[in-house]
Protein backbone atom coordinates (compact mmCIF):
# COMPACT_ATOMS: atom_id res chain seq x y z
CA MET A 1 0.00 0.00 0.00
CA THR A 2 1.35 3.42 -0.95
CA GLN A 3 1.63 6.30 1.50
CA THR A 4 -1.17 8.11 -0.39
CA GLN A 5 -3.49 5.09 -0.10
CA GLU A 6 -2.70 4.81 3.61
CA THR A 7 -3.49 8.51 4.04
CA ASP A 8 -6.76 8.07 2.15
CA ARG A 9 -7.71 5.14 4.39
CA SER A 10 -6.97 7.13 7.54
CA THR A 11 -8.86 10.17 6.25
CA LEU A 12 -11.86 8.09 5.25
CA PHE A 13 -12.01 6.26 8.58
CA ALA A 14 -11.74 9.54 10.48
CA LEU A 15 -14.70 10.81 8.43
CA TYR A 16 -16.64 7.60 9.19
CA GLN A 17 -16.01 8.02 12.92
CA GLU A 18 -17.27 11.59 12.75
CA LEU A 19 -20.39 10.46 10.88
CA ARG A 20 -21.06 7.79 13.51
CA ILE A 21 -21.11 10.49 16.15
CA TYR A 22 -23.39 12.59 13.95
CA VAL A 23 -26.02 9.83 13.51
CA GLY A 24 -25.77 8.77 17.15
CA TRP A 25 -24.14 5.38 16.52
CA THR A 26 -23.34 3.54 19.76
CA ASP A 27 -21.85 0.24 20.85
CA ALA A 28 -25.42 -0.89 21.48
CA ASP A 29 -26.15 -0.49 17.76
CA ALA A 30 -23.17 -2.68 16.89
CA GLU A 31 -24.37 -5.30 19.38
CA GLN A 32 -27.80 -5.32 17.72
CA LEU A 33 -26.53 -6.16 14.24
CA PRO A 34 -25.52 -9.82 14.79
CA THR A 35 -29.05 -10.45 16.10
CA LEU A 36 -30.50 -8.68 13.06
CA LYS A 37 -28.32 -10.78 10.80
CA ARG A 38 -29.66 -14.00 12.33
CA LEU A 39 -33.23 -12.76 11.78
CA LEU A 40 -32.80 -11.26 8.33
CA GLU A 41 -30.32 -13.56 6.58
CA PRO A 42 -33.04 -16.01 5.48
CA SER A 43 -34.69 -13.04 3.68
CA PHE A 44 -31.54 -11.92 1.84
CA GLY A 45 -32.41 -13.96 -1.25
CA ALA A 46 -35.84 -12.35 -1.59
CA VAL A 47 -34.38 -8.85 -1.01
CA ILE A 48 -31.73 -9.45 -3.69
CA ASP A 49 -34.19 -10.87 -6.24
CA ASP A 50 -36.53 -7.90 -5.68
CA PHE A 51 -33.60 -5.52 -6.13
CA TYR A 52 -32.61 -6.84 -9.56
CA GLU A 53 -36.19 -7.33 -10.74
CA GLU A 54 -36.71 -3.61 -10.13
CA ILE A 55 -33.49 -2.74 -11.99
CA ALA A 56 -34.86 -4.52 -15.06
CA ARG A 57 -37.87 -2.17 -15.11
CA HIS A 58 -35.78 1.01 -15.46
CA PRO A 59 -33.63 1.85 -18.51
CA GLY A 60 -31.44 4.16 -16.45
CA THR A 61 -30.28 1.25 -14.27
CA LEU A 62 -30.61 -1.58 -16.77
CA ARG A 63 -28.11 0.09 -19.13
CA VAL A 64 -25.23 -0.72 -16.72
CA ILE A 65 -26.06 -4.44 -16.99
CA THR A 66 -24.10 -5.34 -20.11
CA GLY A 67 -23.28 -9.00 -19.39
CA GLY A 68 -26.76 -10.50 -19.34
CA ASP A 69 -27.85 -13.21 -16.88
CA GLU A 70 -24.27 -14.19 -16.03
CA GLN A 71 -23.45 -10.68 -14.86
CA ILE A 72 -26.67 -10.48 -12.85
CA ALA A 73 -25.80 -13.77 -11.14
CA ARG A 74 -22.37 -12.38 -10.18
CA LEU A 75 -23.89 -9.11 -8.99
CA LYS A 76 -26.37 -10.99 -6.82
CA GLN A 77 -23.48 -12.75 -5.09
CA THR A 78 -21.77 -9.40 -4.60
CA LEU A 79 -24.92 -7.91 -3.06
CA ARG A 80 -25.25 -10.91 -0.74
CA ARG A 81 -21.66 -10.40 0.47
CA TRP A 82 -22.41 -6.70 0.95
CA LEU A 83 -25.46 -7.50 3.11
CA THR A 84 -23.58 -10.11 5.13
CA ASP A 85 -20.70 -7.69 5.67
CA LEU A 86 -23.16 -4.97 6.70
CA PHE A 87 -24.36 -6.96 9.70
CA SER A 88 -21.09 -8.70 10.56
CA GLY A 89 -18.44 -6.00 10.93
CA PRO A 90 -16.00 -5.39 12.46
CA TYR A 91 -16.62 -1.74 11.68
CA ASP A 92 -12.98 -0.78 11.30
CA ASP A 93 -11.01 1.03 8.60
CA GLU A 94 -10.98 -2.04 6.34
CA PHE A 95 -14.78 -2.25 6.55
CA VAL A 96 -15.05 1.42 5.59
CA MET A 97 -12.71 0.96 2.62
CA ARG A 98 -14.83 -1.94 1.35
CA ARG A 99 -17.94 0.26 1.49
CA PHE A 100 -16.06 3.08 -0.24
CA ARG A 101 -15.06 0.72 -3.07
CA VAL A 102 -18.74 -0.05 -3.63
CA GLY A 103 -19.31 3.64 -4.30
CA GLN A 104 -16.23 3.77 -6.53
CA ARG A 105 -17.54 0.84 -8.57
CA HIS A 106 -20.88 2.58 -9.07
CA VAL A 107 -18.99 5.62 -10.33
CA GLU A 108 -16.89 3.49 -12.70
CA ILE A 109 -19.96 1.91 -14.33
CA ARG A 110 -21.52 5.40 -14.60
CA LEU A 111 -24.59 4.63 -12.54
CA ASP A 112 -26.27 7.94 -11.75
CA GLN A 113 -26.05 8.81 -8.07
CA PHE A 114 -29.80 9.22 -7.57
CA TYR A 115 -30.33 5.60 -8.67
CA THR A 116 -27.87 4.51 -5.99
CA ASN A 117 -29.80 6.52 -3.41
CA VAL A 118 -33.20 5.06 -4.31
CA ALA A 119 -31.68 1.56 -4.57
CA MET A 120 -30.52 1.89 -0.96
CA SER A 121 -33.99 3.08 -0.03
CA ARG A 122 -35.51 -0.01 -1.66
CA ILE A 123 -33.14 -2.35 0.19
CA ARG A 124 -33.91 -0.55 3.44
CA GLY A 125 -37.64 -0.94 2.88
CA ARG A 126 -37.39 -4.67 2.14
CA LEU A 127 -35.17 -5.30 5.17
CA LEU A 128 -37.57 -3.41 7.42
CA GLU A 129 -40.48 -5.45 6.01
CA ALA A 130 -38.60 -8.65 6.74
CA LEU A 131 -37.79 -7.46 10.25
CA SER A 132 -41.44 -6.66 10.91
CA SER A 133 -42.38 -10.31 10.28
CA HIS A 134 -40.42 -11.39 13.37
CA GLU A 135 -42.04 -11.07 16.76
CA PRO A 136 -39.63 -9.15 19.03
CA GLU A 137 -39.13 -9.96 22.67
CA SER A 138 -40.27 -6.44 23.52
CA ARG A 139 -41.22 -3.19 21.86
CA SER A 140 -37.90 -1.67 22.92
CA ASP A 141 -36.04 -4.51 21.17
CA ARG A 142 -37.93 -3.79 17.94
CA GLU A 143 -37.19 -0.06 18.14
CA ALA A 144 -33.51 -0.72 18.93
CA GLY A 145 -33.24 -3.09 15.97
CA ILE A 146 -34.88 -0.63 13.56
CA GLN A 147 -32.66 2.16 14.86
CA ALA A 148 -29.47 0.11 14.41
CA LEU A 149 -30.50 -0.95 10.90
CA ASN A 150 -31.26 2.61 9.82
CA ARG A 151 -28.05 3.97 11.27
CA ILE A 152 -25.76 1.42 9.61
CA LEU A 153 -27.52 1.94 6.26
CA ASP A 154 -27.28 5.74 6.64
CA LEU A 155 -23.55 5.44 7.31
CA ASP A 156 -23.11 3.21 4.28
CA MET A 157 -25.01 5.65 2.09
CA ALA A 158 -22.84 8.52 3.37
CA ILE A 159 -19.64 6.69 2.39
CA ILE A 160 -21.03 5.80 -1.04
CA ASP A 161 -22.06 9.45 -1.53
CA PHE A 162 -18.55 10.48 -0.51
CA ALA A 163 -17.14 8.25 -3.27
CA TYR A 164 -19.43 9.94 -5.81
CA ASN A 165 -18.56 13.43 -4.59
CA ARG A 166 -14.85 12.68 -4.64
CA ALA A 167 -15.06 11.34 -8.19
CA PHE A 168 -17.03 14.44 -9.20
CA ALA A 169 -14.35 16.69 -7.67
CA VAL A 170 -11.60 14.81 -9.53
CA ARG A 171 -13.48 15.18 -12.83
CA GLU A 172 -14.01 18.89 -12.15
CA GLN A 173 -10.30 19.34 -11.49
CA GLN A 174 -9.40 17.49 -14.67
CA GLN A 175 -11.83 19.57 -16.70
CA GLU A 176 -10.54 22.77 -15.11
CA ARG A 177 -6.95 21.76 -15.89
CA LEU A 178 -7.90 21.11 -19.49
CA ALA A 179 -9.79 24.42 -19.67
CA THR A 180 -6.80 26.21 -18.12
CA LEU A 181 -4.45 24.53 -20.56
CA GLY A 182 -6.68 25.71 -23.41
CA ARG A 183 -6.70 29.28 -22.11
CA VAL A 184 -2.94 29.28 -21.56
CA SER A 185 -2.31 27.82 -25.00
CA GLY A 186 -4.62 30.35 -26.61
CA GLY A 187 -3.02 33.22 -24.72
CA ILE A 188 0.52 32.13 -25.57
CA ALA A 189 -0.40 31.62 -29.21
CA HIS A 190 -1.99 35.06 -29.36
CA GLU A 191 0.96 36.78 -27.67
CA LEU A 192 3.67 35.03 -29.68
CA ARG A 193 2.04 34.92 -33.10
CA ASN A 194 2.25 38.69 -33.68
CA PRO A 195 5.98 39.05 -32.92
CA LEU A 196 6.75 35.87 -34.86
CA ASN A 197 4.87 37.21 -37.86
CA ALA A 198 6.82 40.46 -37.63
CA ILE A 199 10.10 38.54 -37.36
CA GLN A 200 9.16 36.37 -40.33
CA THR A 201 8.33 39.42 -42.42
CA SER A 202 11.66 41.08 -41.62
CA VAL A 203 13.62 37.88 -42.22
CA TYR A 204 11.91 37.47 -45.61
CA TYR A 205 12.84 41.04 -46.51
CA LEU A 206 16.47 40.58 -45.47
CA LEU A 207 16.77 37.36 -47.44
CA ASN A 208 15.08 38.55 -50.59
CA ALA A 209 15.44 42.33 -50.87
CA ARG A 210 17.80 43.44 -53.64
CA ASP A 211 20.04 46.39 -53.07
CA ALA A 212 18.51 47.12 -49.66
CA SER A 213 20.12 50.17 -48.09
CA PRO A 214 22.13 49.78 -44.87
CA ASP A 215 19.52 51.88 -43.05
CA LYS A 216 16.73 49.59 -44.22
CA ARG A 217 18.63 46.50 -43.14
CA GLN A 218 19.33 48.09 -39.75
CA GLU A 219 15.65 48.95 -39.39
CA HIS A 220 14.62 45.32 -39.92
CA LEU A 221 17.31 43.97 -37.63
CA GLU A 222 16.14 46.31 -34.86
CA ARG A 223 12.57 45.26 -35.54
CA ILE A 224 13.56 41.60 -35.10
CA SER A 225 15.37 42.46 -31.87
CA ARG A 226 12.27 44.24 -30.49
CA GLN A 227 9.98 41.34 -31.36
CA VAL A 228 12.37 38.86 -29.74
CA GLY A 229 12.23 41.06 -26.62
CA ILE A 230 8.43 40.99 -26.66
CA SER A 231 8.44 37.20 -26.97
CA ASP A 232 10.95 36.91 -24.14
CA ASN A 233 8.71 39.06 -21.92
CA VAL A 234 5.82 36.63 -22.50
CA ILE A 235 7.97 33.67 -21.52
CA THR A 236 9.33 35.54 -18.50
CA ALA A 237 5.80 36.35 -17.30
CA LEU A 238 4.83 32.69 -17.50
CA SER A 239 8.00 31.58 -15.72
CA ARG A 240 7.52 34.10 -12.93
CA PHE A 241 3.95 33.00 -12.37
CA ALA A 242 4.68 29.29 -12.47
CA ARG A 243 7.86 29.31 -10.39
CA LEU A 244 7.67 32.34 -8.15
CA PRO A 245 10.35 31.83 -5.47
CA THR A 246 9.77 32.32 -1.79
CA PRO A 247 10.34 36.01 -1.01
CA ILE A 248 13.49 36.96 0.87
CA LEU A 249 12.13 39.39 3.44
CA ARG A 250 14.18 42.37 4.53
CA PRO A 251 13.10 45.76 5.92
CA ILE A 252 12.46 48.07 2.97
CA ASP A 253 10.98 51.53 2.50
CA LEU A 254 8.03 51.18 0.10
CA CYS A 255 8.07 54.89 -0.68
CA ASP A 256 11.67 54.64 -1.87
CA LEU A 257 10.65 51.62 -3.91
CA VAL A 258 7.95 53.75 -5.54
CA GLU A 259 10.60 56.18 -6.81
CA GLN A 260 12.70 53.34 -8.18
CA SER A 261 9.65 51.86 -9.92
CA LEU A 262 8.82 55.23 -11.49
CA ASP A 263 12.36 55.45 -12.84
CA ALA A 264 12.03 51.95 -14.31
CA ASN A 265 8.55 52.65 -15.74
CA PRO A 266 8.56 56.26 -17.02
CA LEU A 267 5.12 57.82 -17.46
CA PRO A 268 3.83 59.07 -20.81
CA ASP A 269 3.96 62.85 -21.28
CA ASN A 270 0.15 63.16 -21.06
CA ILE A 271 -0.05 61.66 -17.56
CA GLU A 272 0.36 63.87 -14.49
CA LEU A 273 2.03 62.36 -11.43
CA GLN A 274 0.84 63.13 -7.91
CA ARG A 275 2.59 61.84 -4.79
CA ASN A 276 0.81 61.84 -1.46
CA ARG A 277 3.67 61.50 0.98
CA SER A 278 5.06 63.53 3.82
CA GLY A 279 7.71 62.89 6.43
CA THR A 280 9.23 59.48 7.03
CA TYR A 281 7.45 56.16 7.18
CA PRO A 282 8.16 52.82 8.83
CA HIS A 283 9.62 49.92 6.91
CA VAL A 284 7.82 46.76 5.82
CA ALA A 285 9.27 43.27 5.52
CA GLY A 286 9.57 42.63 1.80
CA ASP A 287 11.47 41.22 -1.11
CA GLN A 288 12.51 44.31 -3.06
CA GLU A 289 12.73 42.55 -6.43
CA GLN A 290 9.32 40.93 -6.13
CA LEU A 291 7.55 44.05 -4.86
CA ALA A 292 9.11 45.97 -7.75
CA ILE A 293 7.29 43.56 -10.07
CA VAL A 294 4.00 44.37 -8.33
CA LEU A 295 4.51 48.13 -8.48
CA GLY A 296 5.65 47.98 -12.09
CA ASN A 297 2.50 46.04 -13.07
CA LEU A 298 0.21 48.47 -11.23
CA ILE A 299 1.87 51.56 -12.68
CA ARG A 300 1.77 50.20 -16.24
CA ASN A 301 -1.86 49.12 -15.86
CA ALA A 302 -2.78 52.59 -14.60
CA CYS A 303 -1.10 54.20 -17.60
CA ASP A 304 -2.83 51.77 -19.98
CA ALA A 305 -6.17 52.81 -18.47
CA MET A 306 -5.47 56.46 -19.42
CA PRO A 307 -4.57 56.39 -23.13
CA ASP A 308 -5.80 59.98 -23.54
CA GLY A 309 -4.00 61.23 -20.45
CA GLY A 310 -4.94 61.64 -16.83
CA ARG A 311 -3.50 61.65 -13.35
CA LEU A 312 -1.58 58.89 -11.57
CA THR A 313 -1.63 59.20 -7.77
CA LEU A 314 0.70 57.23 -5.51
CA THR A 315 -0.22 57.37 -1.83
CA CYS A 316 1.86 56.08 1.09
CA GLU A 317 -0.05 55.80 4.35
CA ASP A 318 1.06 54.62 7.77
CA LEU A 319 -1.83 52.78 9.40
CA ALA A 320 -0.11 52.96 12.74
CA ALA A 321 -3.16 52.62 14.97
CA LYS A 322 -3.85 49.04 15.96
CA VAL A 323 -7.38 47.70 15.51
CA ASP A 324 -8.60 44.70 17.53
CA ASP A 325 -5.00 43.87 18.50
CA GLU A 326 -4.01 43.43 14.86
CA PRO A 327 -0.45 44.57 14.05
CA ALA A 328 0.08 48.03 12.59
CA ARG A 329 0.12 48.08 8.80
CA PHE A 330 1.36 50.24 5.98
CA ALA A 331 -0.67 50.98 2.86
CA LEU A 332 0.44 51.92 -0.63
CA SER A 333 -2.19 52.92 -3.19
CA VAL A 334 -1.92 53.34 -6.96
CA SER A 335 -4.82 55.38 -8.39
CA ASP A 336 -5.67 56.47 -11.91
CA THR A 337 -8.34 58.66 -13.49
CA GLY A 338 -8.88 56.28 -16.39
CA CYS A 339 -11.76 54.33 -17.81
CA GLY A 340 -12.46 52.30 -14.67
CA ILE A 341 -13.59 48.68 -14.47
CA SER A 342 -17.12 47.36 -14.86
CA PRO A 343 -18.65 45.95 -11.63
CA ASP A 344 -19.40 42.73 -13.54
CA VAL A 345 -15.72 42.25 -14.32
CA LEU A 346 -14.14 43.60 -11.13
CA PRO A 347 -14.34 40.33 -9.09
CA GLN A 348 -12.46 38.47 -11.84
CA ILE A 349 -9.58 40.79 -12.65
CA MET A 350 -7.07 39.08 -10.33
CA GLU A 351 -7.84 35.61 -11.66
CA PRO A 352 -5.06 34.02 -13.73
CA LEU A 353 -5.51 34.35 -17.51
CA PHE A 354 -8.29 36.92 -17.20
CA SER A 355 -7.67 40.18 -19.04
CA THR A 356 -9.72 43.12 -20.27
CA LYS A 357 -6.95 44.06 -22.72
CA THR A 358 -6.75 43.00 -26.33
CA ARG A 359 -3.13 42.03 -25.66
CA GLY A 360 -1.68 40.29 -22.64
CA LEU A 361 -1.89 36.90 -20.96
CA GLY A 362 -3.83 38.17 -17.97
CA LEU A 363 -1.14 37.16 -15.49
CA GLY A 364 0.02 40.56 -14.21
CA LEU A 365 -2.59 41.11 -11.51
CA ALA A 366 -2.70 37.42 -10.56
CA LEU A 367 1.08 37.53 -10.11
CA ALA A 368 0.83 40.76 -8.12
CA GLN A 369 -1.79 39.30 -5.79
CA SER A 370 0.29 36.14 -5.28
CA ILE A 371 3.39 38.17 -4.38
CA VAL A 372 1.51 40.41 -1.95
CA LYS A 373 -0.05 37.39 -0.21
CA ARG A 374 3.38 35.78 0.12
CA HIS A 375 4.43 38.90 2.00
CA GLY A 376 1.55 38.54 4.46
CA GLY A 377 -0.21 41.48 2.83
CA GLU A 378 -3.44 42.15 0.99
CA LEU A 379 -4.15 43.59 -2.45
CA SER A 380 -7.57 45.19 -2.92
CA VAL A 381 -9.20 47.18 -5.69
CA THR A 382 -11.96 49.74 -6.01
CA SER A 383 -13.15 51.17 -9.29
CA GLU A 384 -15.84 53.35 -10.81
CA PRO A 385 -16.44 53.17 -14.57
CA GLY A 386 -15.49 56.44 -16.21
CA ARG A 387 -13.74 57.81 -13.11
CA GLY A 388 -10.82 55.54 -12.38
CA THR A 389 -9.40 52.68 -10.34
CA THR A 390 -7.40 52.36 -7.12
CA PHE A 391 -5.28 49.36 -6.14
CA THR A 392 -4.20 49.29 -2.50
CA MET A 393 -1.53 47.08 -0.95
CA THR A 394 -1.29 46.74 2.82
CA PHE A 395 1.62 45.11 4.65
CA PRO A 396 2.57 44.50 8.29
CA ILE A 397 5.10 47.01 9.52
CA ALA A 398 8.53 45.46 10.03
CA GLU A 399 10.37 45.71 13.31
CA VAL A 400 13.73 47.33 12.62
CA SER A 401 16.37 47.14 15.32
CA ALA A 402 18.09 50.38 16.18
């Protein structure tokens, strides 16, 4: 048995124990089941025959019977073992795994879950009918027997449902991975096709142009170099997102980092810069290189939102006052007066591969949010269509020794 299988067994048994508490299962219930087995075992054949006769009346269940009478005969033996096991125990982790495999098998043969639920209901009803034909020693014995039977069947149904839900979750994850792969592939193709086309055009010119002037050749070589740079940026963005290293935290001044980011990302001439900062501010624990990525993304996004010009406001704020014993925090906001973001889109903008731009993979904000979270901070956004957007990062203030 692999370590994963052992973990699954332990997890499943822990769930079963919790469910037993939930339904009120007691040692007295377990003691009732051998007596119930002695009373009900002679009726197992009739319960099993009724079960498969009913299956034959419903196309939704009959479709999983592909082996004819021979398969039905085997399935009847399996159901008999299941009933015997139900009343015999011991109700340990191996018992729970056997019940879980029943659910897995139903999933494998693609039997709809609601058929499994009503099938259990039918078995329950036939067992209770059989139990009612026996005269109990007392009314309390009858009630205790019915209670034990219902509880063990409820627990079995819960484990079978768990198998269905787990299989559903696995399928959802597989489908999501495929959908993500499709989006990534489409985004990469879109981002790389344009520079590759430009490179191809320039290469064709350089190979075939007669008597091209040195200036013209230089122009095409520079064009190729630019397009290679664009392609490299796409690959770098993907690599950063997929393999973002653990931040190396050191005390840094975010306001100083703002100035460095502005130098690295110069603003267009039609955008006014406003700084809201006065005095000195405390340091935060951060990885300077990674936070520079965040600030660069936010500044570039703000500029992209103001193609006709506007105002970019960078605000540093010391949230020194503690609230509900939470540590003091420092906030840095990046605001623009651009087009704003629709309320319908706003909740999605930090999701990977989501973008409102005609170009771009949609990884910038997802990467920014991931970096901020790794620093123990938060990245939030407010926006009003037609008036602008504000992104705000908050970080715990670092303790700097004197």
